[in-house]
Protein backbone atom coordinates (compact mmCIF):
# COMPACT_ATOMS: atom_id res chain seq x y z
CA UNK A 1 73.12 135.19 116.06
CA UNK A 2 69.99 134.14 118.11
CA UNK A 3 70.23 132.11 121.24
CA UNK A 4 73.45 130.85 122.93
CA UNK A 5 76.27 128.71 121.88
CA UNK A 6 76.83 125.29 123.37
CA UNK A 7 79.16 124.65 126.13
CA UNK A 8 82.18 122.59 124.93
CA UNK A 9 81.12 119.13 126.72
CA UNK A 10 77.62 119.48 124.42
CA UNK A 11 79.71 119.28 121.49
CA UNK A 12 81.07 115.76 122.36
CA UNK A 13 79.53 112.94 120.01
CA UNK A 14 77.51 113.73 116.85
CA UNK A 15 80.79 112.74 114.71
CA UNK A 16 80.80 112.34 110.89
CA UNK A 17 80.69 108.82 109.31
CA UNK A 18 82.72 108.96 106.01
CA UNK A 19 83.45 106.61 103.20
CA UNK A 20 87.27 105.64 102.49
CA UNK A 21 87.20 106.53 98.87
CA UNK A 22 90.61 105.58 97.55
CA UNK A 23 91.52 103.03 100.38
CA UNK A 24 88.26 101.22 100.13
CA UNK A 25 87.81 101.43 96.27
CA UNK A 26 86.72 98.26 94.49
CA UNK A 27 85.68 96.38 97.71
CA UNK A 28 82.38 94.23 97.67
CA UNK A 29 80.88 96.68 100.15
CA UNK A 30 82.21 100.14 101.34
CA UNK A 31 84.37 100.72 104.34
CA UNK A 32 82.96 103.89 106.52
CA UNK A 33 84.80 105.32 109.45
CA UNK A 34 83.45 107.01 112.29
CA UNK A 35 85.68 110.08 112.83
CA UNK A 36 85.97 110.03 116.78
CA UNK A 37 89.43 112.04 116.31
CA UNK A 38 87.07 114.80 115.67
CA UNK A 39 85.58 114.95 119.33
CA UNK A 40 86.61 118.15 121.20
CA UNK A 41 89.24 116.30 123.33
CA UNK A 42 90.47 114.51 120.11
CA UNK A 43 89.31 110.99 120.84
CA UNK A 44 86.23 108.56 121.39
CA UNK A 45 87.22 108.40 124.87
CA UNK A 46 85.53 111.88 125.42
CA UNK A 47 82.18 110.13 125.32
CA UNK A 48 82.74 107.86 128.30
CA UNK A 49 84.69 110.59 130.27
CA UNK A 50 81.56 112.76 130.12
CA UNK A 51 79.07 109.79 130.84
CA UNK A 52 81.45 108.39 133.74
CA UNK A 53 81.17 111.89 135.63
CA UNK A 54 77.59 112.56 134.78
CA UNK A 55 76.41 108.94 136.14
CA UNK A 56 78.81 109.32 139.32
CA UNK A 57 77.15 112.99 139.89
CA UNK A 58 73.85 111.66 139.43
CA UNK A 59 74.25 108.66 142.02
CA UNK A 60 75.81 111.20 144.39
CA UNK A 61 79.35 109.39 144.75
CA UNK A 62 81.08 112.34 143.18
CA UNK A 63 81.01 115.76 144.80
CA UNK A 64 82.31 119.35 143.99
CA UNK A 65 85.75 119.82 144.14
CA UNK A 66 86.63 116.22 144.38
CA UNK A 67 89.62 114.21 142.70
CA UNK A 68 89.17 111.87 140.02
CA UNK A 69 91.64 109.17 139.07
CA UNK A 70 91.84 106.86 136.17
CA UNK A 71 94.18 104.27 134.91
CA UNK A 72 94.47 105.43 131.14
CA UNK A 73 96.37 104.94 127.96
CA UNK A 74 96.16 108.66 127.61
CA UNK A 75 92.86 109.12 125.49
CA UNK A 76 90.18 108.67 128.51
CA UNK A 77 92.72 110.88 130.84
CA UNK A 78 92.39 113.86 128.29
CA UNK A 79 88.69 113.35 128.22
CA UNK A 80 88.27 113.32 131.77
CA UNK A 81 90.85 116.32 131.90
CA UNK A 82 88.55 118.28 129.55
CA UNK A 83 85.37 117.44 131.77
CA UNK A 84 87.27 118.01 135.24
CA UNK A 85 88.48 121.48 133.78
CA UNK A 86 84.96 122.44 132.85
CA UNK A 87 83.31 120.90 136.41
CA UNK A 88 86.00 121.93 138.79
CA UNK A 89 87.26 118.84 139.77
CA UNK A 90 90.89 117.52 140.17
CA UNK A 91 92.51 114.67 138.08
CA UNK A 92 95.34 112.11 138.61
CA UNK A 93 96.03 110.03 135.53
CA UNK A 94 98.09 106.67 135.94
CA UNK A 95 99.92 105.84 132.70
CA UNK A 96 102.08 102.84 131.65
CA UNK A 97 105.46 104.15 130.58
CA UNK A 98 104.94 102.61 126.91
CA UNK A 99 102.33 105.53 126.26
CA UNK A 100 103.57 108.44 124.34
CA UNK A 101 105.31 111.40 125.77
CA UNK A 102 102.79 113.49 123.59
CA UNK A 103 99.89 112.30 125.85
CA UNK A 104 101.71 113.19 129.08
CA UNK A 105 102.50 116.55 127.79
CA UNK A 106 98.77 117.25 126.93
CA UNK A 107 97.52 115.86 130.27
CA UNK A 108 99.78 117.99 132.11
CA UNK A 109 98.93 121.11 129.95
CA UNK A 110 95.07 120.42 130.91
CA UNK A 111 96.22 120.46 134.68
CA UNK A 112 96.23 116.65 135.54
CA UNK A 113 98.62 115.11 137.43
CA UNK A 114 100.44 112.38 135.81
CA UNK A 115 101.75 109.34 137.39
CA UNK A 116 104.02 107.25 135.18
CA UNK A 117 104.28 103.36 136.06
CA UNK A 118 106.54 100.48 134.73
CA UNK A 119 105.11 98.36 131.87
CA UNK A 120 104.16 95.92 134.47
CA UNK A 121 101.95 92.58 134.35
CA UNK A 122 98.37 92.58 135.53
CA UNK A 123 98.85 91.19 139.29
CA UNK A 124 101.53 93.34 140.15
CA UNK A 125 101.29 96.31 142.53
CA UNK A 126 102.99 98.48 139.78
CA UNK A 127 100.51 97.64 137.10
CA UNK A 128 99.04 101.02 136.23
CA UNK A 129 95.27 100.01 137.28
CA UNK A 130 96.69 98.66 140.68
CA UNK A 131 98.46 101.90 141.20
CA UNK A 132 95.22 103.94 140.17
CA UNK A 133 93.05 101.64 142.67
CA UNK A 134 95.64 101.90 145.44
CA UNK A 135 95.79 105.80 145.05
CA UNK A 136 92.05 105.93 145.14
CA UNK A 137 91.74 104.00 148.46
CA UNK A 138 94.79 105.85 150.20
CA UNK A 139 93.57 109.49 149.13
CA UNK A 140 89.62 109.21 149.36
CA UNK A 141 89.68 110.13 145.41
CA UNK A 142 86.85 108.75 143.03
CA UNK A 143 88.09 105.90 140.89
CA UNK A 144 86.62 106.49 137.35
CA UNK A 145 87.28 102.74 136.49
CA UNK A 146 86.70 102.94 132.70
CA UNK A 147 87.52 99.30 132.15
CA UNK A 148 84.76 98.14 134.54
CA UNK A 149 82.27 101.21 134.90
CA UNK A 150 78.97 99.91 132.95
CA UNK A 151 78.59 103.76 132.05
CA UNK A 152 81.10 103.22 129.48
CA UNK A 153 79.11 100.68 127.60
CA UNK A 154 75.90 102.36 127.95
CA UNK A 155 77.00 105.52 126.48
CA UNK A 156 78.26 103.72 123.12
CA UNK A 157 75.10 101.93 122.98
CA UNK A 158 72.92 105.12 123.47
CA UNK A 159 75.19 107.57 121.50
CA UNK A 160 77.56 105.83 119.12
CA UNK A 161 75.74 102.88 118.20
CA UNK A 162 72.56 105.02 117.77
CA UNK A 163 74.55 107.64 115.48
CA UNK A 164 75.92 104.85 113.38
CA UNK A 165 72.35 103.42 112.78
CA UNK A 166 71.01 106.66 111.94
CA UNK A 167 73.93 107.60 109.63
CA UNK A 168 73.65 104.28 107.70
CA UNK A 169 69.73 104.37 107.81
CA UNK A 170 70.12 100.85 109.65
CA UNK A 171 72.09 99.19 106.66
CA UNK A 172 75.44 97.91 108.43
CA UNK A 173 77.03 94.62 107.46
CA UNK A 174 79.71 94.63 110.18
CA UNK A 175 81.27 96.70 112.71
CA UNK A 176 84.75 96.40 113.43
CA UNK A 177 86.73 97.84 116.45
CA UNK A 178 89.79 97.24 118.60
CA UNK A 179 89.10 97.00 122.62
CA UNK A 180 91.07 98.70 125.23
CA UNK A 181 88.07 98.61 127.88
CA UNK A 182 85.74 97.08 125.47
CA UNK A 183 83.08 99.68 125.66
CA UNK A 184 83.23 100.58 122.29
CA UNK A 185 82.54 97.22 120.73
CA UNK A 186 80.26 95.96 123.28
CA UNK A 187 78.19 98.92 123.38
CA UNK A 188 77.79 99.40 119.50
CA UNK A 189 77.77 95.73 119.31
CA UNK A 190 74.58 95.19 121.64
CA UNK A 191 73.01 98.45 119.88
CA UNK A 192 73.29 97.00 116.39
CA UNK A 193 72.47 93.46 117.05
CA UNK A 194 69.29 94.54 118.63
CA UNK A 195 68.37 96.78 115.46
CA UNK A 196 70.05 95.10 112.52
CA UNK A 197 69.46 91.50 111.47
CA UNK A 198 72.49 89.61 110.55
CA UNK A 199 75.10 92.32 111.46
CA UNK A 200 78.51 90.88 112.31
CA UNK A 201 80.66 92.40 115.10
CA UNK A 202 84.33 91.97 114.62
CA UNK A 203 87.31 92.42 117.39
CA UNK A 204 90.55 94.04 115.86
CA UNK A 205 93.21 92.90 117.95
CA UNK A 206 97.12 93.90 117.72
CA UNK A 207 99.18 90.93 117.31
CA UNK A 208 100.52 90.38 120.86
CA UNK A 209 97.47 90.88 122.61
CA UNK A 210 95.75 87.80 124.53
CA UNK A 211 92.26 88.92 123.58
CA UNK A 212 92.26 87.29 120.16
CA UNK A 213 92.69 83.79 121.58
CA UNK A 214 90.06 84.35 124.24
CA UNK A 215 87.43 85.21 121.65
CA UNK A 216 88.19 82.24 119.73
CA UNK A 217 88.61 79.85 122.51
CA UNK A 218 87.57 81.47 125.68
CA UNK A 219 91.08 81.10 127.12
CA UNK A 220 93.74 84.31 127.18
CA UNK A 221 96.41 83.79 124.51
CA UNK A 222 100.22 84.44 125.22
CA UNK A 223 100.98 88.07 126.30
CA UNK A 224 103.15 89.62 123.76
CA UNK A 225 104.71 93.16 123.08
CA UNK A 226 103.28 95.49 120.35
CA UNK A 227 103.43 99.29 120.09
CA UNK A 228 99.99 100.00 119.29
CA UNK A 229 98.42 102.15 122.12
CA UNK A 230 94.76 101.93 123.64
CA UNK A 231 93.85 98.80 122.46
CA UNK A 232 94.48 94.99 123.21
CA UNK A 233 95.22 93.50 126.51
CA UNK A 234 97.02 90.59 128.71
CA UNK A 235 93.57 90.52 130.74
CA UNK A 236 90.03 90.45 129.98
CA UNK A 237 88.36 93.95 130.88
CA UNK A 238 85.05 94.02 132.42
CA UNK A 239 83.31 95.89 129.82
CA UNK A 240 84.40 93.61 127.02
CA UNK A 241 81.27 91.20 126.19
CA UNK A 242 82.54 87.86 124.42
CA UNK A 243 78.62 87.12 123.65
CA UNK A 244 78.59 90.18 121.31
CA UNK A 245 81.71 89.53 119.17
CA UNK A 246 81.39 87.22 115.99
CA UNK A 247 85.02 86.88 114.97
CA UNK A 248 88.47 88.09 115.46
CA UNK A 249 91.05 89.82 113.10
CA UNK A 250 94.83 90.18 114.36
CA UNK A 251 96.75 93.09 113.08
CA UNK A 252 100.52 93.59 113.34
CA UNK A 253 102.14 96.93 114.39
CA UNK A 254 103.61 97.14 111.02
CA UNK A 255 100.32 96.84 109.46
CA UNK A 256 98.55 99.21 111.43
CA UNK A 257 101.20 102.00 111.34
CA UNK A 258 101.64 101.94 107.59
CA UNK A 259 97.60 102.02 107.20
CA UNK A 260 97.62 104.88 109.28
CA UNK A 261 100.03 106.87 107.13
CA UNK A 262 97.72 105.93 104.12
CA UNK A 263 94.69 107.25 106.22
CA UNK A 264 96.80 110.56 106.73
CA UNK A 265 98.12 110.84 103.13
CA UNK A 266 95.27 109.35 100.94
CA UNK A 267 92.27 110.28 102.97
CA UNK A 268 93.35 113.20 104.76
CA UNK A 269 92.27 111.54 108.05
CA UNK A 270 94.65 112.82 110.74
CA UNK A 271 94.49 109.95 112.84
CA UNK A 272 96.39 107.45 115.30
CA UNK A 273 97.92 104.31 115.29
CA UNK A 274 94.55 102.23 116.55
CA UNK A 275 92.67 103.67 113.41
CA UNK A 276 95.37 101.62 111.37
CA UNK A 277 94.53 98.48 113.07
CA UNK A 278 90.78 99.17 112.78
CA UNK A 279 90.69 99.93 109.10
CA UNK A 280 93.21 96.89 108.32
CA UNK A 281 90.93 94.69 109.84
CA UNK A 282 87.73 96.38 108.47
CA UNK A 283 89.24 96.04 104.80
CA UNK A 284 89.56 92.39 105.40
CA UNK A 285 86.19 91.98 106.43
CA UNK A 286 84.76 94.00 103.56
CA UNK A 287 87.10 92.04 100.93
CA UNK A 288 85.45 88.68 101.91
CA UNK A 289 81.83 89.99 101.00
CA UNK A 290 78.83 88.08 101.95
CA UNK A 291 77.55 91.24 103.92
CA UNK A 292 74.33 92.87 103.64
CA UNK A 293 75.75 96.38 103.96
CA UNK A 294 78.94 98.15 104.62
CA UNK A 295 81.61 97.69 107.11
CA UNK A 296 81.81 100.49 109.86
CA UNK A 297 84.90 100.99 112.09
CA UNK A 298 86.06 103.97 114.43
CA UNK A 299 89.08 106.21 114.11
CA UNK A 300 89.30 106.43 117.91
CA UNK A 301 92.04 109.59 118.20
CA UNK A 302 93.93 112.05 116.41
CA UNK A 303 97.71 111.81 115.32
CA UNK A 304 98.84 114.58 117.47
CA UNK A 305 99.37 112.51 120.46
CA UNK A 306 101.71 110.29 118.64
CA UNK A 307 104.16 113.02 116.71
CA UNK A 308 107.19 112.12 119.09
CA UNK A 309 106.61 108.35 118.77
CA UNK A 310 109.41 106.71 116.58
CA UNK A 311 106.72 104.84 114.52
CA UNK A 312 104.90 108.26 113.51
CA UNK A 313 108.30 109.73 112.76
CA UNK A 314 109.19 106.95 110.50
CA UNK A 315 105.92 106.72 108.73
CA UNK A 316 105.86 110.46 108.43
CA UNK A 317 109.71 110.86 106.95
């Protein structure tokens, strides 16, 4: 062997794009899935974790041995924990209590301090974003702020979007994704719209999220309950850019989790619940036809962080 192996963080990105050979059979156009669960930390959030830290270091606002703090559904926290371990930073992750126990255990195993908050509404001092912001201010920690940090959208434009364009040789009919921070949909959407004539960008939103109505009318819809993690919101994240989005597909928890089980058993893709949401929406878009290329979506994370959840246990029984 010649040369030297890459460090772990250099293996973030460059994930495969694969066709759904069984689930997508018989549709007018193929459905292709970007396997982001194959990133080193197990999710698409590895990309933004590294990008946010690189950007902060370059700007001189993040210095050696400082502590990072983030409000997270778990995946960005896991990406940040991986980067923090490699770079020598401390990390505090603030999670709402609805997020899986598996994620909390993984974060602690990577050395992060985990703070669990009530499932409080935006505006409440107990809301996980408010708690993270308060901890940053009180302790002088660096708030990575994935929901508003422009490095989030930028890295999906420069890497995820660019990879999809190259892997499809520029032939994309539609891009479909859920929105947690909005970075994936906004960044990939902007990249493809700048380079692919007629491409459609579609939000896949859980039933119960307020974002679907916001896309369609400009006003947030009712705030409901849903179990799928990491996507949907009762408020608009700063990194979700409405001008990029053409339409929305609302997907129920039952549809999402049933599709996740199909992806695991029929396609061999070991993915989490939001992958089911994205694929249900992508199949709908593909079935309508009228597109100039395949429908592309993302499999955002791995199944291992949901194995203790009731829905995963039920689907895998």
